[in-house]
Amino acid sequence: QRGQVLDFLFLPGHGAGLHMLKVEIGGEAFSTQGAEPSHKRSQAEKMQIRGWEWWLMREAQNRNPTIRFHGLPWAWPGYLGPWQKLFKEHAEKTALYVVEWVALAATQGFHIDSVGLWNEKRYEKRYVLALRRALDEAGFSSTLVAAADSDFGRAVEDVLKDQSFKAAVGALSAHYPGMKSGSARHTSVKHIWDGEDYSTDNRKSGAGCIARVLNQNYVRGGMTATFLWNLVSSYYSGLPYPHSGLMDANEPWSGHYTITPAIHAVAHTTHFTEPGWNYLQVGKGSGLLNSGGSYVSLISPSAGTGHQLTIIVEKMRHSTSACVRPPLAHYSTETEMLQLSLENFPSLKRLQVFRSCFKYNSRGQIDLDVSAGLLESLGDLPIGAKGYIELLVEEDCLYTLTSAYRYSTSFVHSGMPQLPNVMPFPLPYS
């Protein structure tokens, strides 16, 4: 069952098919759900592979060799110095600690595409410059530095005011930004990210939260990547944020796990695009729907045969798509007919259409039956003679229109594994 869970997370075209994995750079201290060991516990110790994060990176890369990795510290070993001084007097020493982790990853065959600063803590510009310099000197110039894994405010100000800081930062990243990036989208920093989002009960509005946020992060905030916390709820339900994963798998004694509609909300994007695809600008292929909801269009890099095109459309109701935070301003939705012009894609004659309609009971709980009705193929949608398409968009439904579909949807239907039954913890335990 563990292998099946990993397949549902990382195998392209199967389950979530994730494009990127964010891992903790361990620091020997509690960090939300447990503590992660350090790769270097003292100044004199040689670097060591410790902890399950390395195993997870291996499993992810084995399933998807092109997956991207992002590293972020939550805590630091004590030998680096008092935490108040890590980014000030000890900036160079702290930066070296992170670079050593990046170097250790390289010895295991992992390229770290980006690193953050310190999870939801205040940064110092001195440290950002030291980290960029240390990465470059160690041969990791392609590893981006993301600032600041808290909010956009101060990092955007520093980018606009300080050219050296701007040159050091490869991505602006905020946590739970509420689809807004403020002035971040008006900087020339190439990447704007939602560095952490979701944390929402997958039995209630989790799938709707993901469907709305993945689209509207770009439409409203210009954000081109969204990191979801967490991937699998494999911790006791009595801990904070139970059932906040794309899947639940917290019965190792039985092997039972739950595939939730949140998986399908992610798949509507990940199955039909790849890293390196580009969003079309708002007003020129992406935007808000007239009666609530949104649409985004992504195109592949041209490879001599023209661009591939994927359009994702969502119309999530307010009551079924609120994330755990921040508060979601009220809005209304109703079914509408969407018309789009594809005149800039004259070689396309039709698009394949896939749909997921999420169902809820009177208590706001989502139907967890994923055996039918999710990511279902609606066949081909012909493009009219004048380059127009029309699509009926219904409430709580998510659509993908694509010229680039490459995978089978068998995991949604006949390919679903037979799961062990739920069992109480076996007692007496020995």
Foldseek 3Di string as FASTA:
>chain_A
DVLVLLCLCAAFQHFLNDQEDEDEQFAQDDDQAGGFDHQDQAPPDDGHDDDCRLVSVVSNCVRPVRRAYEYEYAHHHPNLDDPVCCQPPSLLVNLVSVLSVQVVCVVVVHHHQEYEDYAQDDHDLSNLLSNCVVCVVVPNNRYFYEPHNAAQPPLVVCLVPPVSSVVSGQEYEHEQHVLARPCPVVGPRPAYADEEFQLAALQFQRLLQLLQNCQSNCAHHVHNYYDYPDAEQQDDCVRPSHNRHCKYQPCPVFQFIAHASNSLSSCLPRQFDHPQWDKDHDVGAWYADPFAWIKIKTWHDDDPVDIKIKMKTAHEAPRRRAGPDDGDDHGGGFKDKDKDAPQVCVVDFKWKKFKAAWDADPVRTTDRLQQDRGRHTPGIFTQDPRRMGMDTHGYRMMMMTIPGRDHDPCCSHVVPDDGGDDDDPDPPDD
